[in-house]
Amino acid sequence: MTLMSFVIVLVVVGFFALVAMKLFPMYSEYFNLKGVMEEYAAQPNSASIPPAQMHTELNRRFGIAYVDSVKKEHIKIIREGGVSKLNIAYEVRVPLFGNLDVVGKFDNTVDLAGKAASD
């Protein structure tokens, strides 16, 4: 292997290492979020908890799990028939280099346990 081919391989490997280092925290946060949502949904009567208390409890759990990208406006309760679902959809924008950004769109929905509160 010549010096020039070694430099080219080094540049390619460095580029992919940079991309991986930038994207890993974004996906790690999403997997932590999924875990928090599944734990919250599994607790008894999670469907009947009032929205204000739900937001407070989720924010506390997000702080423990290092989930910083989710805001109150990203959290939605969907009621279909007698089933309540928790949906969190959000975007994360991470600067890659220069004026290039990587945008990740994440959307996860879980069924809540217990009986849904009537509106």
PDB file of N, CA and C in Angstrom:
ATOM      1  N   MET A   1       0.850  -1.170   0.000  1.00  0.00           N
ATOM      2  CA  MET A   1       0.000   0.000   0.000  1.00  0.00           C
ATOM      3  C   MET A   1       0.898   1.237   0.000  1.00  0.00           C
ATOM      4  N   THR A   2       0.606   2.105  -0.931  1.00  0.00           N
ATOM      5  CA  THR A   2       1.405   3.315  -1.033  1.00  0.00           C
ATOM      6  C   THR A   2       0.920   4.339  -0.011  1.00  0.00           C
ATOM      7  N   LEU A   3       1.684   5.383   0.166  1.00  0.00           N
ATOM      8  CA  LEU A   3       1.322   6.444   1.111  1.00  0.00           C
ATOM      9  C   LEU A   3       0.043   7.142   0.669  1.00  0.00           C
ATOM     10  N   MET A   4      -0.111   7.346  -0.619  1.00  0.00           N
ATOM     11  CA  MET A   4      -1.302   8.033  -1.125  1.00  0.00           C
ATOM     12  C   MET A   4      -2.559   7.200  -0.890  1.00  0.00           C
ATOM     13  N   SER A   5      -2.513   5.915  -1.126  1.00  0.00           N
ATOM     14  CA  SER A   5      -3.691   5.077  -0.891  1.00  0.00           C
ATOM     15  C   SER A   5      -3.988   4.991   0.606  1.00  0.00           C
ATOM     16  N   PHE A   6      -2.954   4.993   1.450  1.00  0.00           N
ATOM     17  CA  PHE A   6      -3.157   4.993   2.895  1.00  0.00           C
ATOM     18  C   PHE A   6      -3.864   6.272   3.344  1.00  0.00           C
ATOM     19  N   VAL A   7      -3.492   7.406   2.784  1.00  0.00           N
ATOM     20  CA  VAL A   7      -4.134   8.683   3.120  1.00  0.00           C
ATOM     21  C   VAL A   7      -5.592   8.678   2.668  1.00  0.00           C
ATOM     22  N   ILE A   8      -5.879   8.141   1.503  1.00  0.00           N
ATOM     23  CA  ILE A   8      -7.257   8.074   1.005  1.00  0.00           C
ATOM     24  C   ILE A   8      -8.105   7.187   1.916  1.00  0.00           C
ATOM     25  N   VAL A   9      -7.576   6.030   2.303  1.00  0.00           N
ATOM     26  CA  VAL A   9      -8.295   5.144   3.216  1.00  0.00           C
ATOM     27  C   VAL A   9      -8.519   5.842   4.554  1.00  0.00           C
ATOM     28  N   LEU A  10      -7.522   6.554   5.040  1.00  0.00           N
ATOM     29  CA  LEU A  10      -7.624   7.276   6.300  1.00  0.00           C
ATOM     30  C   LEU A  10      -8.703   8.358   6.235  1.00  0.00           C
ATOM     31  N   VAL A  11      -8.799   9.067   5.129  1.00  0.00           N
ATOM     32  CA  VAL A  11      -9.823  10.103   4.959  1.00  0.00           C
ATOM     33  C   VAL A  11     -11.217   9.481   4.941  1.00  0.00           C
ATOM     34  N   VAL A  12     -11.392   8.393   4.223  1.00  0.00           N
ATOM     35  CA  VAL A  12     -12.695   7.727   4.149  1.00  0.00           C
ATOM     36  C   VAL A  12     -13.111   7.198   5.520  1.00  0.00           C
ATOM     37  N   VAL A  13     -12.200   6.546   6.211  1.00  0.00           N
ATOM     38  CA  VAL A  13     -12.494   6.029   7.549  1.00  0.00           C
ATOM     39  C   VAL A  13     -12.786   7.182   8.506  1.00  0.00           C
ATOM     40  N   GLY A  14     -12.031   8.252   8.408  1.00  0.00           N
ATOM     41  CA  GLY A  14     -12.265   9.431   9.250  1.00  0.00           C
ATOM     42  C   GLY A  14     -13.630  10.052   9.007  1.00  0.00           C
ATOM     43  N   PHE A  15     -14.051  10.120   7.749  1.00  0.00           N
ATOM     44  CA  PHE A  15     -15.370  10.670   7.423  1.00  0.00           C
ATOM     45  C   PHE A  15     -16.480   9.842   8.055  1.00  0.00           C
ATOM     46  N   PHE A  16     -16.400   8.527   7.909  1.00  0.00           N
ATOM     47  CA  PHE A  16     -17.432   7.668   8.490  1.00  0.00           C
ATOM     48  C   PHE A  16     -17.395   7.684  10.016  1.00  0.00           C
ATOM     49  N   ALA A  17     -16.217   7.826  10.588  1.00  0.00           N
ATOM     50  CA  ALA A  17     -16.118   7.949  12.047  1.00  0.00           C
ATOM     51  C   ALA A  17     -16.772   9.248  12.511  1.00  0.00           C
ATOM     52  N   LEU A  18     -16.577  10.340  11.777  1.00  0.00           N
ATOM     53  CA  LEU A  18     -17.207  11.620  12.109  1.00  0.00           C
ATOM     54  C   LEU A  18     -18.723  11.513  12.051  1.00  0.00           C
ATOM     55  N   VAL A  19     -19.240  10.902  10.994  1.00  0.00           N
ATOM     56  CA  VAL A  19     -20.692  10.734  10.851  1.00  0.00           C
ATOM     57  C   VAL A  19     -21.233   9.873  11.988  1.00  0.00           C
ATOM     58  N   ALA A  20     -20.549   8.804  12.318  1.00  0.00           N
ATOM     59  CA  ALA A  20     -21.010   7.925  13.398  1.00  0.00           C
ATOM     60  C   ALA A  20     -21.004   8.654  14.736  1.00  0.00           C
ATOM     61  N   MET A  21     -19.982   9.452  15.002  1.00  0.00           N
ATOM     62  CA  MET A  21     -19.909  10.194  16.265  1.00  0.00           C
ATOM     63  C   MET A  21     -21.009  11.242  16.369  1.00  0.00           C
ATOM     64  N   LYS A  22     -21.422  11.811  15.253  1.00  0.00           N
ATOM     65  CA  LYS A  22     -22.488  12.814  15.259  1.00  0.00           C
ATOM     66  C   LYS A  22     -23.865  12.173  15.385  1.00  0.00           C
ATOM     67  N   LEU A  23     -24.067  10.999  14.768  1.00  0.00           N
ATOM     68  CA  LEU A  23     -25.384  10.367  14.754  1.00  0.00           C
ATOM     69  C   LEU A  23     -25.663   9.500  15.977  1.00  0.00           C
ATOM     70  N   PHE A  24     -24.641   8.936  16.603  1.00  0.00           N
ATOM     71  CA  PHE A  24     -24.861   8.035  17.726  1.00  0.00           C
ATOM     72  C   PHE A  24     -25.670   8.664  18.864  1.00  0.00           C
ATOM     73  N   PRO A  25     -25.363   9.890  19.316  1.00  0.00           N
ATOM     74  CA  PRO A  25     -26.153  10.466  20.412  1.00  0.00           C
ATOM     75  C   PRO A  25     -27.635  10.652  20.060  1.00  0.00           C
ATOM     76  N   MET A  26     -27.918  10.983  18.816  1.00  0.00           N
ATOM     77  CA  MET A  26     -29.295  11.177  18.377  1.00  0.00           C
ATOM     78  C   MET A  26     -30.075   9.862  18.472  1.00  0.00           C
ATOM     79  N   TYR A  27     -29.494   8.782  18.006  1.00  0.00           N
ATOM     80  CA  TYR A  27     -30.174   7.486  18.049  1.00  0.00           C
ATOM     81  C   TYR A  27     -30.184   6.899  19.457  1.00  0.00           C
ATOM     82  N   SER A  28     -29.163   7.150  20.218  1.00  0.00           N
ATOM     83  CA  SER A  28     -29.134   6.701  21.606  1.00  0.00           C
ATOM     84  C   SER A  28     -30.265   7.352  22.400  1.00  0.00           C
ATOM     85  N   GLU A  29     -30.480   8.643  22.175  1.00  0.00           N
ATOM     86  CA  GLU A  29     -31.570   9.357  22.839  1.00  0.00           C
ATOM     87  C   GLU A  29     -32.924   8.768  22.431  1.00  0.00           C
ATOM     88  N   TYR A  30     -33.085   8.428  21.152  1.00  0.00           N
ATOM     89  CA  TYR A  30     -34.344   7.851  20.685  1.00  0.00           C
ATOM     90  C   TYR A  30     -34.610   6.497  21.346  1.00  0.00           C
ATOM     91  N   PHE A  31     -33.593   5.662  21.483  1.00  0.00           N
ATOM     92  CA  PHE A  31     -33.793   4.364  22.121  1.00  0.00           C
ATOM     93  C   PHE A  31     -34.096   4.524  23.606  1.00  0.00           C
ATOM     94  N   ASN A  32     -33.502   5.534  24.257  1.00  0.00           N
ATOM     95  CA  ASN A  32     -33.854   5.837  25.639  1.00  0.00           C
ATOM     96  C   ASN A  32     -35.312   6.294  25.727  1.00  0.00           C
ATOM     97  N   LEU A  33     -35.743   7.106  24.777  1.00  0.00           N
ATOM     98  CA  LEU A  33     -37.127   7.578  24.733  1.00  0.00           C
ATOM     99  C   LEU A  33     -38.095   6.406  24.587  1.00  0.00           C
ATOM    100  N   LYS A  34     -37.775   5.468  23.700  1.00  0.00           N
ATOM    101  CA  LYS A  34     -38.639   4.300  23.525  1.00  0.00           C
ATOM    102  C   LYS A  34     -38.762   3.512  24.817  1.00  0.00           C
ATOM    103  N   GLY A  35     -37.661   3.365  25.539  1.00  0.00           N
ATOM    104  CA  GLY A  35     -37.692   2.661  26.815  1.00  0.00           C
ATOM    105  C   GLY A  35     -38.566   3.366  27.838  1.00  0.00           C
ATOM    106  N   VAL A  36     -38.462   4.692  27.902  1.00  0.00           N
ATOM    107  CA  VAL A  36     -39.294   5.478  28.826  1.00  0.00           C
ATOM    108  C   VAL A  36     -40.761   5.331  28.468  1.00  0.00           C
ATOM    109  N   MET A  37     -41.080   5.392  27.178  1.00  0.00           N
ATOM    110  CA  MET A  37     -42.470   5.272  26.746  1.00  0.00           C
ATOM    111  C   MET A  37     -43.033   3.898  27.084  1.00  0.00           C
ATOM    112  N   GLU A  38     -42.258   2.849  26.869  1.00  0.00           N
ATOM    113  CA  GLU A  38     -42.728   1.492  27.173  1.00  0.00           C
ATOM    114  C   GLU A  38     -42.931   1.301  28.675  1.00  0.00           C
ATOM    115  N   GLU A  39     -42.024   1.849  29.489  1.00  0.00           N
ATOM    116  CA  GLU A  39     -42.179   1.761  30.945  1.00  0.00           C
ATOM    117  C   GLU A  39     -43.418   2.527  31.410  1.00  0.00           C
ATOM    118  N   TYR A  40     -43.618   3.716  30.839  1.00  0.00           N
ATOM    119  CA  TYR A  40     -44.774   4.524  31.225  1.00  0.00           C
ATOM    120  C   TYR A  40     -46.071   3.821  30.827  1.00  0.00           C
ATOM    121  N   ALA A  41     -46.105   3.264  29.619  1.00  0.00           N
ATOM    122  CA  ALA A  41     -47.317   2.603  29.128  1.00  0.00           C
ATOM    123  C   ALA A  41     -47.635   1.351  29.924  1.00  0.00           C
ATOM    124  N   ALA A  42     -46.634   0.702  30.486  1.00  0.00           N
ATOM    125  CA  ALA A  42     -46.852  -0.546  31.207  1.00  0.00           C
ATOM    126  C   ALA A  42     -47.393  -0.335  32.617  1.00  0.00           C
ATOM    127  N   GLN A  43     -47.291   0.880  33.138  1.00  0.00           N
ATOM    128  CA  GLN A  43     -47.783   1.091  34.505  1.00  0.00           C
ATOM    129  C   GLN A  43     -49.307   1.033  34.524  1.00  0.00           C
ATOM    130  N   PRO A  44     -49.886   0.528  35.616  1.00  0.00           N
ATOM    131  CA  PRO A  44     -51.340   0.376  35.688  1.00  0.00           C
ATOM    132  C   PRO A  44     -52.056   1.733  35.574  1.00  0.00           C
ATOM    133  N   ASN A  45     -53.158   1.742  34.856  1.00  0.00           N
ATOM    134  CA  ASN A  45     -54.004   2.924  34.675  1.00  0.00           C
ATOM    135  C   ASN A  45     -53.271   4.107  34.048  1.00  0.00           C
ATOM    136  N   SER A  46     -52.281   3.858  33.216  1.00  0.00           N
ATOM    137  CA  SER A  46     -51.573   4.963  32.571  1.00  0.00           C
ATOM    138  C   SER A  46     -52.482   5.738  31.621  1.00  0.00           C
ATOM    139  N   ALA A  47     -53.541   5.107  31.135  1.00  0.00           N
ATOM    140  CA  ALA A  47     -54.465   5.787  30.227  1.00  0.00           C
ATOM    141  C   ALA A  47     -55.361   6.768  30.961  1.00  0.00           C
ATOM    142  N   SER A  48     -55.533   6.597  32.259  1.00  0.00           N
ATOM    143  CA  SER A  48     -56.464   7.465  32.993  1.00  0.00           C
ATOM    144  C   SER A  48     -55.761   8.602  33.725  1.00  0.00           C
ATOM    145  N   ILE A  49     -54.456   8.728  33.597  1.00  0.00           N
ATOM    146  CA  ILE A  49     -53.721   9.810  34.254  1.00  0.00           C
ATOM    147  C   ILE A  49     -54.015  11.119  33.517  1.00  0.00           C
ATOM    148  N   PRO A  50     -54.328  12.196  34.243  1.00  0.00           N
ATOM    149  CA  PRO A  50     -54.598  13.486  33.589  1.00  0.00           C
ATOM    150  C   PRO A  50     -53.382  13.980  32.794  1.00  0.00           C
ATOM    151  N   PRO A  51     -53.626  14.703  31.701  1.00  0.00           N
ATOM    152  CA  PRO A  51     -52.514  15.145  30.837  1.00  0.00           C
ATOM    153  C   PRO A  51     -51.430  15.945  31.566  1.00  0.00           C
ATOM    154  N   ALA A  52     -51.806  16.840  32.484  1.00  0.00           N
ATOM    155  CA  ALA A  52     -50.797  17.640  33.188  1.00  0.00           C
ATOM    156  C   ALA A  52     -49.883  16.748  34.023  1.00  0.00           C
ATOM    157  N   GLN A  53     -50.448  15.784  34.709  1.00  0.00           N
ATOM    158  CA  GLN A  53     -49.649  14.861  35.515  1.00  0.00           C
ATOM    159  C   GLN A  53     -48.800  13.962  34.619  1.00  0.00           C
ATOM    160  N   MET A  54     -49.348  13.567  33.461  1.00  0.00           N
ATOM    161  CA  MET A  54     -48.609  12.740  32.516  1.00  0.00           C
ATOM    162  C   MET A  54     -47.371  13.483  32.014  1.00  0.00           C
ATOM    163  N   HIS A  55     -47.541  14.771  31.646  1.00  0.00           N
ATOM    164  CA  HIS A  55     -46.401  15.552  31.164  1.00  0.00           C
ATOM    165  C   HIS A  55     -45.336  15.695  32.248  1.00  0.00           C
ATOM    166  N   THR A  56     -45.770  15.930  33.477  1.00  0.00           N
ATOM    167  CA  THR A  56     -44.825  16.058  34.583  1.00  0.00           C
ATOM    168  C   THR A  56     -44.050  14.766  34.803  1.00  0.00           C
ATOM    169  N   GLU A  57     -44.767  13.656  34.802  1.00  0.00           N
ATOM    170  CA  GLU A  57     -44.115  12.363  35.024  1.00  0.00           C
ATOM    171  C   GLU A  57     -43.183  11.997  33.872  1.00  0.00           C
ATOM    172  N   LEU A  58     -43.628  12.255  32.638  1.00  0.00           N
ATOM    173  CA  LEU A  58     -42.765  11.959  31.491  1.00  0.00           C
ATOM    174  C   LEU A  58     -41.514  12.836  31.515  1.00  0.00           C
ATOM    175  N   ASN A  59     -41.660  14.119  31.841  1.00  0.00           N
ATOM    176  CA  ASN A  59     -40.489  15.009  31.900  1.00  0.00           C
ATOM    177  C   ASN A  59     -39.497  14.546  32.961  1.00  0.00           C
ATOM    178  N   ARG A  60     -39.988  14.068  34.095  1.00  0.00           N
ATOM    179  CA  ARG A  60     -39.111  13.545  35.136  1.00  0.00           C
ATOM    180  C   ARG A  60     -38.350  12.324  34.605  1.00  0.00           C
ATOM    181  N   ARG A  61     -39.073  11.431  33.934  1.00  0.00           N
ATOM    182  CA  ARG A  61     -38.429  10.232  33.374  1.00  0.00           C
ATOM    183  C   ARG A  61     -37.462  10.588  32.251  1.00  0.00           C
ATOM    184  N   PHE A  62     -37.803  11.607  31.442  1.00  0.00           N
ATOM    185  CA  PHE A  62     -36.896  12.044  30.379  1.00  0.00           C
ATOM    186  C   PHE A  62     -35.595  12.567  30.967  1.00  0.00           C
ATOM    187  N   GLY A  63     -35.681  13.288  32.082  1.00  0.00           N
ATOM    188  CA  GLY A  63     -34.478  13.798  32.723  1.00  0.00           C
ATOM    189  C   GLY A  63     -33.573  12.687  33.200  1.00  0.00           C
ATOM    190  N   ILE A  64     -34.156  11.632  33.725  1.00  0.00           N
ATOM    191  CA  ILE A  64     -33.375  10.492  34.209  1.00  0.00           C
ATOM    192  C   ILE A  64     -32.718   9.759  33.039  1.00  0.00           C
ATOM    193  N   ALA A  65     -33.437   9.660  31.899  1.00  0.00           N
ATOM    194  CA  ALA A  65     -32.946   8.897  30.744  1.00  0.00           C
ATOM    195  C   ALA A  65     -32.162   9.751  29.749  1.00  0.00           C
ATOM    196  N   TYR A  66     -31.868  11.014  30.087  1.00  0.00           N
ATOM    197  CA  TYR A  66     -31.109  11.917  29.219  1.00  0.00           C
ATOM    198  C   TYR A  66     -31.788  12.143  27.871  1.00  0.00           C
ATOM    199  N   VAL A  67     -33.108  12.356  27.904  1.00  0.00           N
ATOM    200  CA  VAL A  67     -33.863  12.690  26.696  1.00  0.00           C
ATOM    201  C   VAL A  67     -34.126  14.196  26.751  1.00  0.00           C
ATOM    202  N   ASP A  68     -33.430  14.960  25.901  1.00  0.00           N
ATOM    203  CA  ASP A  68     -33.521  16.418  25.936  1.00  0.00           C
ATOM    204  C   ASP A  68     -34.270  17.018  24.756  1.00  0.00           C
ATOM    205  N   SER A  69     -34.463  16.284  23.684  1.00  0.00           N
ATOM    206  CA  SER A  69     -35.031  16.842  22.453  1.00  0.00           C
ATOM    207  C   SER A  69     -36.551  16.906  22.448  1.00  0.00           C
ATOM    208  N   VAL A  70     -37.211  16.198  23.357  1.00  0.00           N
ATOM    209  CA  VAL A  70     -38.671  16.125  23.355  1.00  0.00           C
ATOM    210  C   VAL A  70     -39.235  17.253  24.205  1.00  0.00           C
ATOM    211  N   LYS A  71     -40.127  18.024  23.610  1.00  0.00           N
ATOM    212  CA  LYS A  71     -40.804  19.120  24.301  1.00  0.00           C
ATOM    213  C   LYS A  71     -42.269  18.752  24.498  1.00  0.00           C
ATOM    214  N   LYS A  72     -42.962  19.564  25.277  1.00  0.00           N
ATOM    215  CA  LYS A  72     -44.368  19.292  25.602  1.00  0.00           C
ATOM    216  C   LYS A  72     -45.238  19.198  24.348  1.00  0.00           C
ATOM    217  N   GLU A  73     -44.949  20.021  23.352  1.00  0.00           N
ATOM    218  CA  GLU A  73     -45.770  20.026  22.130  1.00  0.00           C
ATOM    219  C   GLU A  73     -45.563  18.790  21.258  1.00  0.00           C
ATOM    220  N   HIS A  74     -44.541  18.012  21.524  1.00  0.00           N
ATOM    221  CA  HIS A  74     -44.297  16.784  20.757  1.00  0.00           C
ATOM    222  C   HIS A  74     -45.091  15.591  21.286  1.00  0.00           C
ATOM    223  N   ILE A  75     -45.644  15.722  22.491  1.00  0.00           N
ATOM    224  CA  ILE A  75     -46.333  14.615  23.150  1.00  0.00           C
ATOM    225  C   ILE A  75     -47.827  14.715  22.883  1.00  0.00           C
ATOM    226  N   LYS A  76     -48.412  13.634  22.389  1.00  0.00           N
ATOM    227  CA  LYS A  76     -49.846  13.614  22.082  1.00  0.00           C
ATOM    228  C   LYS A  76     -50.473  12.339  22.628  1.00  0.00           C
ATOM    229  N   ILE A  77     -51.708  12.474  23.123  1.00  0.00           N
ATOM    230  CA  ILE A  77     -52.514  11.325  23.527  1.00  0.00           C
ATOM    231  C   ILE A  77     -53.565  11.132  22.442  1.00  0.00           C
ATOM    232  N   ILE A  78     -53.609   9.946  21.874  1.00  0.00           N
ATOM    233  CA  ILE A  78     -54.571   9.622  20.818  1.00  0.00           C
ATOM    234  C   ILE A  78     -55.568   8.636  21.394  1.00  0.00           C
ATOM    235  N   ARG A  79     -56.842   8.948  21.271  1.00  0.00           N
ATOM    236  CA  ARG A  79     -57.885   8.041  21.761  1.00  0.00           C
ATOM    237  C   ARG A  79     -58.678   7.531  20.564  1.00  0.00           C
ATOM    238  N   GLU A  80     -58.614   6.223  20.354  1.00  0.00           N
ATOM    239  CA  GLU A  80     -59.352   5.572  19.271  1.00  0.00           C
ATOM    240  C   GLU A  80     -60.214   4.487  19.891  1.00  0.00           C
ATOM    241  N   GLY A  81     -61.522   4.672  19.834  1.00  0.00           N
ATOM    242  CA  GLY A  81     -62.411   3.711  20.477  1.00  0.00           C
ATOM    243  C   GLY A  81     -62.195   3.763  21.973  1.00  0.00           C
ATOM    244  N   GLY A  82     -61.907   2.642  22.590  1.00  0.00           N
ATOM    245  CA  GLY A  82     -61.635   2.613  24.019  1.00  0.00           C
ATOM    246  C   GLY A  82     -60.163   2.516  24.334  1.00  0.00           C
ATOM    247  N   VAL A  83     -59.314   2.697  23.329  1.00  0.00           N
ATOM    248  CA  VAL A  83     -57.876   2.536  23.507  1.00  0.00           C
ATOM    249  C   VAL A  83     -57.192   3.897  23.455  1.00  0.00           C
ATOM    250  N   SER A  84     -56.351   4.149  24.435  1.00  0.00           N
ATOM    251  CA  SER A  84     -55.539   5.369  24.438  1.00  0.00           C
ATOM    252  C   SER A  84     -54.121   5.018  24.028  1.00  0.00           C
ATOM    253  N   LYS A  85     -53.521   5.905  23.231  1.00  0.00           N
ATOM    254  CA  LYS A  85     -52.150   5.706  22.771  1.00  0.00           C
ATOM    255  C   LYS A  85     -51.340   6.955  23.064  1.00  0.00           C
ATOM    256  N   LEU A  86     -50.086   6.748  23.412  1.00  0.00           N
ATOM    257  CA  LEU A  86     -49.144   7.837  23.625  1.00  0.00           C
ATOM    258  C   LEU A  86     -48.268   7.929  22.388  1.00  0.00           C
ATOM    259  N   ASN A  87     -48.258   9.107  21.754  1.00  0.00           N
ATOM    260  CA  ASN A  87     -47.466   9.327  20.548  1.00  0.00           C
ATOM    261  C   ASN A  87     -46.493  10.467  20.803  1.00  0.00           C
ATOM    262  N   ILE A  88     -45.243  10.240  20.465  1.00  0.00           N
ATOM    263  CA  ILE A  88     -44.234  11.292  20.531  1.00  0.00           C
ATOM    264  C   ILE A  88     -43.542  11.343  19.183  1.00  0.00           C
ATOM    265  N   ALA A  89     -43.647  12.500  18.530  1.00  0.00           N
ATOM    266  CA  ALA A  89     -43.026  12.709  17.222  1.00  0.00           C
ATOM    267  C   ALA A  89     -42.213  14.000  17.294  1.00  0.00           C
ATOM    268  N   TYR A  90     -40.946  13.919  16.897  1.00  0.00           N
ATOM    269  CA  TYR A  90     -40.082  15.089  16.973  1.00  0.00           C
ATOM    270  C   TYR A  90     -38.955  14.978  15.952  1.00  0.00           C
ATOM    271  N   GLU A  91     -38.256  16.096  15.749  1.00  0.00           N
ATOM    272  CA  GLU A  91     -37.114  16.165  14.843  1.00  0.00           C
ATOM    273  C   GLU A  91     -35.884  16.595  15.618  1.00  0.00           C
ATOM    274  N   VAL A  92     -34.745  16.074  15.215  1.00  0.00           N
ATOM    275  CA  VAL A  92     -33.465  16.485  15.787  1.00  0.00           C
ATOM    276  C   VAL A  92     -32.569  16.919  14.631  1.00  0.00           C
ATOM    277  N   ARG A  93     -31.979  18.102  14.769  1.00  0.00           N
ATOM    278  CA  ARG A  93     -31.057  18.618  13.748  1.00  0.00           C
ATOM    279  C   ARG A  93     -29.665  18.702  14.373  1.00  0.00           C
ATOM    280  N   VAL A  94     -28.721  17.985  13.757  1.00  0.00           N
ATOM    281  CA  VAL A  94     -27.349  17.950  14.261  1.00  0.00           C
ATOM    282  C   VAL A  94     -26.426  18.496  13.183  1.00  0.00           C
ATOM    283  N   PRO A  95     -25.607  19.510  13.519  1.00  0.00           N
ATOM    284  CA  PRO A  95     -24.650  20.005  12.513  1.00  0.00           C
ATOM    285  C   PRO A  95     -23.587  18.936  12.229  1.00  0.00           C
ATOM    286  N   LEU A  96     -23.365  18.667  10.957  1.00  0.00           N
ATOM    287  CA  LEU A  96     -22.384  17.650  10.564  1.00  0.00           C
ATOM    288  C   LEU A  96     -21.020  18.305  10.390  1.00  0.00           C
ATOM    289  N   PHE A  97     -20.893  19.153   9.398  1.00  0.00           N
ATOM    290  CA  PHE A  97     -19.710  19.983   9.235  1.00  0.00           C
ATOM    291  C   PHE A  97     -20.061  21.088   8.250  1.00  0.00           C
ATOM    292  N   GLY A  98     -19.446  22.236   8.417  1.00  0.00           N
ATOM    293  CA  GLY A  98     -19.748  23.378   7.558  1.00  0.00           C
ATOM    294  C   GLY A  98     -21.214  23.753   7.667  1.00  0.00           C
ATOM    295  N   ASN A  99     -21.852  23.915   6.514  1.00  0.00           N
ATOM    296  CA  ASN A  99     -23.272  24.267   6.511  1.00  0.00           C
ATOM    297  C   ASN A  99     -24.169  23.051   6.287  1.00  0.00           C
ATOM    298  N   LEU A 100     -23.650  21.854   6.508  1.00  0.00           N
ATOM    299  CA  LEU A 100     -24.438  20.637   6.347  1.00  0.00           C
ATOM    300  C   LEU A 100     -24.932  20.142   7.701  1.00  0.00           C
ATOM    301  N   ASP A 101     -26.227  19.857   7.770  1.00  0.00           N
ATOM    302  CA  ASP A 101     -26.843  19.317   8.970  1.00  0.00           C
ATOM    303  C   ASP A 101     -27.445  17.957   8.658  1.00  0.00           C
ATOM    304  N   VAL A 102     -27.564  17.143   9.686  1.00  0.00           N
ATOM    305  CA  VAL A 102     -28.267  15.869   9.590  1.00  0.00           C
ATOM    306  C   VAL A 102     -29.565  16.040  10.365  1.00  0.00           C
ATOM    307  N   VAL A 103     -30.687  15.709   9.723  1.00  0.00           N
ATOM    308  CA  VAL A 103     -31.988  15.830  10.372  1.00  0.00           C
ATOM    309  C   VAL A 103     -32.545  14.429  10.579  1.00  0.00           C
ATOM    310  N   GLY A 104     -32.898  14.141  11.823  1.00  0.00           N
ATOM    311  CA  GLY A 104     -33.522  12.867  12.150  1.00  0.00           C
ATOM    312  C   GLY A 104     -34.952  13.109  12.575  1.00  0.00           C
ATOM    313  N   LYS A 105     -35.895  12.396  11.951  1.00  0.00           N
ATOM    314  CA  LYS A 105     -37.305  12.484  12.330  1.00  0.00           C
ATOM    315  C   LYS A 105     -37.666  11.195  13.044  1.00  0.00           C
ATOM    316  N   PHE A 106     -38.166  11.345  14.261  1.00  0.00           N
ATOM    317  CA  PHE A 106     -38.492  10.188  15.084  1.00  0.00           C
ATOM    318  C   PHE A 106     -39.965  10.237  15.454  1.00  0.00           C
ATOM    319  N   ASP A 107     -40.609   9.082  15.434  1.00  0.00           N
ATOM    320  CA  ASP A 107     -42.033   8.968  15.745  1.00  0.00           C
ATOM    321  C   ASP A 107     -42.251   7.610  16.387  1.00  0.00           C
ATOM    322  N   ASN A 108     -42.811   7.606  17.601  1.00  0.00           N
ATOM    323  CA  ASN A 108     -43.063   6.348  18.292  1.00  0.00           C
ATOM    324  C   ASN A 108     -44.416   6.434  18.979  1.00  0.00           C
ATOM    325  N   THR A 109     -45.172   5.332  18.932  1.00  0.00           N
ATOM    326  CA  THR A 109     -46.488   5.254  19.559  1.00  0.00           C
ATOM    327  C   THR A 109     -46.569   3.971  20.373  1.00  0.00           C
ATOM    328  N   VAL A 110     -47.120   4.087  21.593  1.00  0.00           N
ATOM    329  CA  VAL A 110     -47.350   2.918  22.439  1.00  0.00           C
ATOM    330  C   VAL A 110     -48.790   2.953  22.957  1.00  0.00           C
ATOM    331  N   ASP A 111     -49.373   1.765  23.150  1.00  0.00           N
ATOM    332  CA  ASP A 111     -50.705   1.654  23.753  1.00  0.00           C
ATOM    333  C   ASP A 111     -50.568   1.813  25.246  1.00  0.00           C
ATOM    334  N   LEU A 112     -51.454   2.627  25.831  1.00  0.00           N
ATOM    335  CA  LEU A 112     -51.445   2.825  27.273  1.00  0.00           C
ATOM    336  C   LEU A 112     -52.280   1.772  27.954  1.00  0.00           C
ATOM    337  N   ALA A 113     -51.842   1.344  29.118  1.00  0.00           N
ATOM    338  CA  ALA A 113     -52.556   0.317  29.888  1.00  0.00           C
ATOM    339  C   ALA A 113     -53.708   0.959  30.637  1.00  0.00           C
ATOM    340  N   GLY A 114     -54.657   0.143  31.028  1.00  0.00           N
ATOM    341  CA  GLY A 114     -55.766   0.638  31.834  1.00  0.00           C
ATOM    342  C   GLY A 114     -56.900   1.159  30.995  1.00  0.00           C
ATOM    343  N   LYS A 115     -57.847   1.774  31.676  1.00  0.00           N
ATOM    344  CA  LYS A 115     -59.045   2.279  31.030  1.00  0.00           C
ATOM    345  C   LYS A 115     -58.842   3.738  30.674  1.00  0.00           C
ATOM    346  N   ALA A 116     -59.233   4.096  29.464  1.00  0.00           N
ATOM    347  CA  ALA A 116     -59.078   5.469  29.000  1.00  0.00           C
ATOM    348  C   ALA A 116     -60.028   6.387  29.747  1.00  0.00           C
ATOM    349  N   ALA A 117     -59.532   7.576  30.041  1.00  0.00           N
ATOM    350  CA  ALA A 117     -60.388   8.581  30.690  1.00  0.00           C
ATOM    351  C   ALA A 117     -61.369   9.125  29.671  1.00  0.00           C
ATOM    352  N   SER A 118     -62.612   9.298  30.079  1.00  0.00           N
ATOM    353  CA  SER A 118     -63.623   9.806  29.135  1.00  0.00           C
ATOM    354  C   SER A 118     -63.473  11.312  29.009  1.00  0.00           C
ATOM    355  N   ASP A 119     -63.702  11.801  27.797  1.00  0.00           N
ATOM    356  CA  ASP A 119     -63.579  13.241  27.543  1.00  0.00           C
ATOM    357  C   ASP A 119     -64.877  13.959  27.783  1.00  0.00           C
TER     358      ASP A 119
END
